[in-house]
PDB file of N, CA and C in Angstrom:
ATOM      1  N   MET A   1      80.123  87.641  96.654  1.00  0.00           N
ATOM      2  CA  MET A   1      80.195  88.329  95.386  1.00  0.00           C
ATOM      3  C   MET A   1      81.343  87.766  94.556  1.00  0.00           C
ATOM      4  N   ILE A   2      82.417  87.393  95.202  1.00  0.00           N
ATOM      5  CA  ILE A   2      83.547  86.838  94.467  1.00  0.00           C
ATOM      6  C   ILE A   2      83.144  85.510  93.837  1.00  0.00           C
ATOM      7  N   GLN A   3      82.443  84.660  94.587  1.00  0.00           N
ATOM      8  CA  GLN A   3      82.022  83.375  94.044  1.00  0.00           C
ATOM      9  C   GLN A   3      80.877  83.526  93.052  1.00  0.00           C
ATOM     10  N   ALA A   4      79.948  84.419  93.327  1.00  0.00           N
ATOM     11  CA  ALA A   4      78.777  84.581  92.465  1.00  0.00           C
ATOM     12  C   ALA A   4      79.148  85.126  91.084  1.00  0.00           C
ATOM     13  N   HIS A   5      80.143  85.992  91.026  1.00  0.00           N
ATOM     14  CA  HIS A   5      80.514  86.621  89.755  1.00  0.00           C
ATOM     15  C   HIS A   5      81.861  86.138  89.232  1.00  0.00           C
ATOM     16  N   ASN A   6      82.409  85.110  89.878  1.00  0.00           N
ATOM     17  CA  ASN A   6      83.667  84.507  89.456  1.00  0.00           C
ATOM     18  C   ASN A   6      84.801  85.524  89.356  1.00  0.00           C
ATOM     19  N   LEU A   7      84.906  86.354  90.370  1.00  0.00           N
ATOM     20  CA  LEU A   7      85.970  87.351  90.422  1.00  0.00           C
ATOM     21  C   LEU A   7      87.121  86.844  91.284  1.00  0.00           C
ATOM     22  N   ASP A   8      88.310  87.162  90.912  1.00  0.00           N
ATOM     23  CA  ASP A   8      89.480  86.830  91.713  1.00  0.00           C
ATOM     24  C   ASP A   8      90.248  88.117  91.948  1.00  0.00           C
ATOM     25  N   TYR A   9      90.073  88.688  93.118  1.00  0.00           N
ATOM     26  CA  TYR A   9      90.688  89.973  93.433  1.00  0.00           C
ATOM     27  C   TYR A   9      91.476  89.822  94.727  1.00  0.00           C
ATOM     28  N   PRO A  10      92.805  89.774  94.648  1.00  0.00           N
ATOM     29  CA  PRO A  10      93.604  89.590  95.862  1.00  0.00           C
ATOM     30  C   PRO A  10      93.518  90.805  96.789  1.00  0.00           C
ATOM     31  N   ASN A  11      93.487  90.529  98.074  1.00  0.00           N
ATOM     32  CA  ASN A  11      93.473  91.562  99.114  1.00  0.00           C
ATOM     33  C   ASN A  11      92.299  92.522  98.956  1.00  0.00           C
ATOM     34  N   ILE A  12      91.128  91.976  98.696  1.00  0.00           N
ATOM     35  CA  ILE A  12      89.960  92.821  98.433  1.00  0.00           C
ATOM     36  C   ILE A  12      89.546  93.619  99.660  1.00  0.00           C
ATOM     37  N   PHE A  13      89.663  93.029 100.854  1.00  0.00           N
ATOM     38  CA  PHE A  13      89.274  93.771 102.051  1.00  0.00           C
ATOM     39  C   PHE A  13      90.223  94.938 102.311  1.00  0.00           C
ATOM     40  N   GLY A  14      91.491  94.740 102.087  1.00  0.00           N
ATOM     41  CA  GLY A  14      92.461  95.825 102.246  1.00  0.00           C
ATOM     42  C   GLY A  14      92.218  96.960 101.270  1.00  0.00           C
ATOM     43  N   LYS A  15      91.933  96.610 100.041  1.00  0.00           N
ATOM     44  CA  LYS A  15      91.658  97.625  99.017  1.00  0.00           C
ATOM     45  C   LYS A  15      90.360  98.374  99.333  1.00  0.00           C
ATOM     46  N   LEU A  16      89.331  97.629  99.731  1.00  0.00           N
ATOM     47  CA  LEU A  16      88.056  98.255 100.064  1.00  0.00           C
ATOM     48  C   LEU A  16      88.208  99.179 101.264  1.00  0.00           C
ATOM     49  N   TYR A  17      88.928  98.724 102.271  1.00  0.00           N
ATOM     50  CA  TYR A  17      89.149  99.537 103.465  1.00  0.00           C
ATOM     51  C   TYR A  17      89.904 100.818 103.135  1.00  0.00           C
ATOM     52  N   SER A  18      90.874 100.719 102.248  1.00  0.00           N
ATOM     53  CA  SER A  18      91.675 101.892 101.906  1.00  0.00           C
ATOM     54  C   SER A  18      90.891 102.932 101.109  1.00  0.00           C
ATOM     55  N   MET A  19      89.794 102.535 100.492  1.00  0.00           N
ATOM     56  CA  MET A  19      88.982 103.489  99.724  1.00  0.00           C
ATOM     57  C   MET A  19      88.141 104.390 100.622  1.00  0.00           C
ATOM     58  N   PHE A  20      87.892 103.942 101.824  1.00  0.00           N
ATOM     59  CA  PHE A  20      87.051 104.727 102.734  1.00  0.00           C
ATOM     60  C   PHE A  20      87.910 105.711 103.525  1.00  0.00           C
ATOM     61  N   GLU A  21      88.188 106.807 102.902  1.00  0.00           N
ATOM     62  CA  GLU A  21      88.941 107.920 103.475  1.00  0.00           C
ATOM     63  C   GLU A  21      88.052 109.163 103.425  1.00  0.00           C
ATOM     64  N   PRO A  22      88.379 110.201 104.163  1.00  0.00           N
ATOM     65  CA  PRO A  22      87.549 111.426 104.139  1.00  0.00           C
ATOM     66  C   PRO A  22      87.373 112.023 102.748  1.00  0.00           C
ATOM     67  N   GLU A  23      88.318 111.788 101.867  1.00  0.00           N
ATOM     68  CA  GLU A  23      88.226 112.348 100.518  1.00  0.00           C
ATOM     69  C   GLU A  23      87.093 111.732  99.710  1.00  0.00           C
ATOM     70  N   ILE A  24      86.586 110.574 100.145  1.00  0.00           N
ATOM     71  CA  ILE A  24      85.536 109.899  99.389  1.00  0.00           C
ATOM     72  C   ILE A  24      84.281 110.768  99.277  1.00  0.00           C
ATOM     73  N   PHE A  25      84.061 111.652 100.242  1.00  0.00           N
ATOM     74  CA  PHE A  25      82.864 112.478 100.218  1.00  0.00           C
ATOM     75  C   PHE A  25      82.944 113.599  99.191  1.00  0.00           C
ATOM     76  N   HIS A  26      84.100 113.776  98.588  1.00  0.00           N
ATOM     77  CA  HIS A  26      84.285 114.827  97.597  1.00  0.00           C
ATOM     78  C   HIS A  26      84.583 114.271  96.206  1.00  0.00           C
ATOM     79  N   THR A  27      84.283 112.994  96.007  1.00  0.00           N
ATOM     80  CA  THR A  27      84.548 112.387  94.708  1.00  0.00           C
ATOM     81  C   THR A  27      83.264 112.194  93.924  1.00  0.00           C
ATOM     82  N   LYS A  28      83.434 112.015  92.652  1.00  0.00           N
ATOM     83  CA  LYS A  28      82.310 111.847  91.739  1.00  0.00           C
ATOM     84  C   LYS A  28      81.633 110.484  91.914  1.00  0.00           C
ATOM     85  N   TYR A  29      82.389 109.477  92.310  1.00  0.00           N
ATOM     86  CA  TYR A  29      81.900 108.098  92.335  1.00  0.00           C
ATOM     87  C   TYR A  29      81.570 107.583  93.724  1.00  0.00           C
ATOM     88  N   LYS A  30      81.316 108.462  94.693  1.00  0.00           N
ATOM     89  CA  LYS A  30      81.066 108.001  96.062  1.00  0.00           C
ATOM     90  C   LYS A  30      79.797 107.163  96.153  1.00  0.00           C
ATOM     91  N   ALA A  31      78.754 107.527  95.435  1.00  0.00           N
ATOM     92  CA  ALA A  31      77.508 106.750  95.487  1.00  0.00           C
ATOM     93  C   ALA A  31      77.739 105.338  94.967  1.00  0.00           C
ATOM     94  N   ARG A  32      78.521 105.226  93.918  1.00  0.00           N
ATOM     95  CA  ARG A  32      78.824 103.907  93.348  1.00  0.00           C
ATOM     96  C   ARG A  32      79.638 103.060  94.317  1.00  0.00           C
ATOM     97  N   LEU A  33      80.599 103.664  94.992  1.00  0.00           N
ATOM     98  CA  LEU A  33      81.411 102.934  95.965  1.00  0.00           C
ATOM     99  C   LEU A  33      80.541 102.406  97.101  1.00  0.00           C
ATOM    100  N   PHE A  34      79.652 103.240  97.613  1.00  0.00           N
ATOM    101  CA  PHE A  34      78.786 102.800  98.704  1.00  0.00           C
ATOM    102  C   PHE A  34      77.809 101.724  98.230  1.00  0.00           C
ATOM    103  N   TYR A  35      77.316 101.849  97.024  1.00  0.00           N
ATOM    104  CA  TYR A  35      76.413 100.842  96.469  1.00  0.00           C
ATOM    105  C   TYR A  35      77.130  99.493  96.325  1.00  0.00           C
ATOM    106  N   LEU A  36      78.297  99.493  95.743  1.00  0.00           N
ATOM    107  CA  LEU A  36      79.040  98.253  95.549  1.00  0.00           C
ATOM    108  C   LEU A  36      79.506  97.657  96.880  1.00  0.00           C
ATOM    109  N   SER A  37      79.863  98.514  97.827  1.00  0.00           N
ATOM    110  CA  SER A  37      80.253  98.023  99.150  1.00  0.00           C
ATOM    111  C   SER A  37      79.077  97.347  99.839  1.00  0.00           C
ATOM    112  N   ASP A  38      77.904  97.922  99.676  1.00  0.00           N
ATOM    113  CA  ASP A  38      76.703  97.314 100.241  1.00  0.00           C
ATOM    114  C   ASP A  38      76.452  95.950  99.615  1.00  0.00           C
ATOM    115  N   LEU A  39      76.593  95.851  98.305  1.00  0.00           N
ATOM    116  CA  LEU A  39      76.423  94.560  97.634  1.00  0.00           C
ATOM    117  C   LEU A  39      77.427  93.534  98.128  1.00  0.00           C
ATOM    118  N   PHE A  40      78.644  93.986  98.376  1.00  0.00           N
ATOM    119  CA  PHE A  40      79.706  93.068  98.780  1.00  0.00           C
ATOM    120  C   PHE A  40      79.553  92.623 100.221  1.00  0.00           C
ATOM    121  N   LEU A  41      79.174  93.526 101.113  1.00  0.00           N
ATOM    122  CA  LEU A  41      79.135  93.204 102.542  1.00  0.00           C
ATOM    123  C   LEU A  41      77.808  92.607 102.995  1.00  0.00           C
ATOM    124  N   THR A  42      76.729  92.779 102.245  1.00  0.00           N
ATOM    125  CA  THR A  42      75.437  92.222 102.645  1.00  0.00           C
ATOM    126  C   THR A  42      75.473  90.698 102.752  1.00  0.00           C
ATOM    127  N   PRO A  43      76.000  89.983 101.766  1.00  0.00           N
ATOM    128  CA  PRO A  43      76.074  88.524 101.926  1.00  0.00           C
ATOM    129  C   PRO A  43      76.941  88.117 103.122  1.00  0.00           C
ATOM    130  N   PHE A  44      77.955  88.902 103.409  1.00  0.00           N
ATOM    131  CA  PHE A  44      78.824  88.621 104.546  1.00  0.00           C
ATOM    132  C   PHE A  44      78.034  88.715 105.850  1.00  0.00           C
ATOM    133  N   ALA A  45      77.193  89.738 105.983  1.00  0.00           N
ATOM    134  CA  ALA A  45      76.372  89.896 107.184  1.00  0.00           C
ATOM    135  C   ALA A  45      75.329  88.788 107.270  1.00  0.00           C
ATOM    136  N   LYS A  46      74.765  88.398 106.140  1.00  0.00           N
ATOM    137  CA  LYS A  46      73.792  87.308 106.134  1.00  0.00           C
ATOM    138  C   LYS A  46      74.431  86.004 106.580  1.00  0.00           C
ATOM    139  N   ARG A  47      75.619  85.759 106.108  1.00  0.00           N
ATOM    140  CA  ARG A  47      76.331  84.524 106.472  1.00  0.00           C
ATOM    141  C   ARG A  47      76.620  84.506 107.970  1.00  0.00           C
ATOM    142  N   LEU A  48      77.042  85.629 108.509  1.00  0.00           N
ATOM    143  CA  LEU A  48      77.301  85.703 109.943  1.00  0.00           C
ATOM    144  C   LEU A  48      76.019  85.500 110.751  1.00  0.00           C
ATOM    145  N   ALA A  49      74.911  86.047 110.272  1.00  0.00           N
ATOM    146  CA  ALA A  49      73.638  85.873 110.972  1.00  0.00           C
ATOM    147  C   ALA A  49      73.227  84.404 110.995  1.00  0.00           C
ATOM    148  N   ARG A  50      73.447  83.713 109.894  1.00  0.00           N
ATOM    149  CA  ARG A  50      73.137  82.283 109.861  1.00  0.00           C
ATOM    150  C   ARG A  50      74.037  81.505 110.812  1.00  0.00           C
ATOM    151  N   LEU A  51      75.303  81.887 110.873  1.00  0.00           N
ATOM    152  CA  LEU A  51      76.218  81.219 111.791  1.00  0.00           C
ATOM    153  C   LEU A  51      75.831  81.462 113.247  1.00  0.00           C
ATOM    154  N   ALA A  52      75.252  82.610 113.522  1.00  0.00           N
ATOM    155  CA  ALA A  52      74.844  82.927 114.892  1.00  0.00           C
ATOM    156  C   ALA A  52      73.743  81.982 115.372  1.00  0.00           C
ATOM    157  N   LEU A  53      72.988  81.417 114.455  1.00  0.00           N
ATOM    158  CA  LEU A  53      71.918  80.495 114.842  1.00  0.00           C
ATOM    159  C   LEU A  53      72.453  79.194 115.423  1.00  0.00           C
ATOM    160  N   ILE A  54      73.664  78.807 115.038  1.00  0.00           N
ATOM    161  CA  ILE A  54      74.217  77.540 115.508  1.00  0.00           C
ATOM    162  C   ILE A  54      75.470  77.722 116.356  1.00  0.00           C
ATOM    163  N   ALA A  55      75.871  78.956 116.573  1.00  0.00           N
ATOM    164  CA  ALA A  55      77.098  79.240 117.321  1.00  0.00           C
ATOM    165  C   ALA A  55      76.887  79.012 118.823  1.00  0.00           C
ATOM    166  N   PRO A  56      77.971  78.744 119.538  1.00  0.00           N
ATOM    167  CA  PRO A  56      77.874  78.676 121.001  1.00  0.00           C
ATOM    168  C   PRO A  56      77.436  80.028 121.563  1.00  0.00           C
ATOM    169  N   SER A  57      76.798  79.996 122.714  1.00  0.00           N
ATOM    170  CA  SER A  57      76.188  81.212 123.265  1.00  0.00           C
ATOM    171  C   SER A  57      77.190  82.344 123.479  1.00  0.00           C
ATOM    172  N   GLU A  58      78.410  82.031 123.874  1.00  0.00           N
ATOM    173  CA  GLU A  58      79.388  83.102 124.097  1.00  0.00           C
ATOM    174  C   GLU A  58      79.835  83.755 122.796  1.00  0.00           C
ATOM    175  N   ASP A  59      79.726  83.034 121.690  1.00  0.00           N
ATOM    176  CA  ASP A  59      80.130  83.586 120.394  1.00  0.00           C
ATOM    177  C   ASP A  59      79.016  84.373 119.716  1.00  0.00           C
ATOM    178  N   ILE A  60      77.771  84.120 120.096  1.00  0.00           N
ATOM    179  CA  ILE A  60      76.644  84.831 119.502  1.00  0.00           C
ATOM    180  C   ILE A  60      76.742  86.329 119.779  1.00  0.00           C
ATOM    181  N   ILE A  61      77.184  86.680 120.967  1.00  0.00           N
ATOM    182  CA  ILE A  61      77.331  88.096 121.322  1.00  0.00           C
ATOM    183  C   ILE A  61      78.354  88.766 120.419  1.00  0.00           C
ATOM    184  N   ILE A  62      79.450  88.094 120.176  1.00  0.00           N
ATOM    185  CA  ILE A  62      80.502  88.648 119.308  1.00  0.00           C
ATOM    186  C   ILE A  62      79.973  88.829 117.890  1.00  0.00           C
ATOM    187  N   ILE A  63      79.282  87.814 117.377  1.00  0.00           N
ATOM    188  CA  ILE A  63      78.751  87.888 116.018  1.00  0.00           C
ATOM    189  C   ILE A  63      77.716  88.996 115.896  1.00  0.00           C
ATOM    190  N   CYS A  64      76.818  89.103 116.887  1.00  0.00           N
ATOM    191  CA  CYS A  64      75.786  90.148 116.844  1.00  0.00           C
ATOM    192  C   CYS A  64      76.406  91.547 116.904  1.00  0.00           C
ATOM    193  N   ASN A  65      77.436  91.711 117.706  1.00  0.00           N
ATOM    194  CA  ASN A  65      78.124  93.006 117.748  1.00  0.00           C
ATOM    195  C   ASN A  65      78.775  93.322 116.409  1.00  0.00           C
ATOM    196  N   PHE A  66      79.359  92.322 115.786  1.00  0.00           N
ATOM    197  CA  PHE A  66      80.004  92.521 114.493  1.00  0.00           C
ATOM    198  C   PHE A  66      78.980  92.894 113.427  1.00  0.00           C
ATOM    199  N   ILE A  67      77.854  92.190 113.398  1.00  0.00           N
ATOM    200  CA  ILE A  67      76.794  92.503 112.441  1.00  0.00           C
ATOM    201  C   ILE A  67      76.250  93.904 112.701  1.00  0.00           C
ATOM    202  N   GLY A  68      76.081  94.259 113.970  1.00  0.00           N
ATOM    203  CA  GLY A  68      75.625  95.599 114.307  1.00  0.00           C
ATOM    204  C   GLY A  68      76.574  96.675 113.806  1.00  0.00           C
ATOM    205  N   ASN A  69      77.868  96.420 113.927  1.00  0.00           N
ATOM    206  CA  ASN A  69      78.850  97.376 113.412  1.00  0.00           C
ATOM    207  C   ASN A  69      78.785  97.483 111.898  1.00  0.00           C
ATOM    208  N   LEU A  70      78.529  96.374 111.217  1.00  0.00           N
ATOM    209  CA  LEU A  70      78.378  96.440 109.761  1.00  0.00           C
ATOM    210  C   LEU A  70      77.139  97.239 109.370  1.00  0.00           C
ATOM    211  N   ILE A  71      76.076  97.072 110.131  1.00  0.00           N
ATOM    212  CA  ILE A  71      74.843  97.802 109.843  1.00  0.00           C
ATOM    213  C   ILE A  71      75.040  99.297 110.059  1.00  0.00           C
ATOM    214  N   LEU A  72      75.714  99.625 111.155  1.00  0.00           N
ATOM    215  CA  LEU A  72      75.948 101.048 111.427  1.00  0.00           C
ATOM    216  C   LEU A  72      76.830 101.645 110.368  1.00  0.00           C
TER     217      LEU A  72
END
């Protein structure tokens, strides 16, 4: 998303992680946050899945677990 939309946002993962607190369920913009997070993390999961196709066998398990955690 950063490359596709030419955005430069320092520490984006830290900022995104900090937004996911219990208070998010009581805010007006929670649907928007989840929608944008999905847009941001979907390409990341796709990239990892592609890497799993060529990764060594011991690393495929790690990548699949990571993708599974993103899906959950």
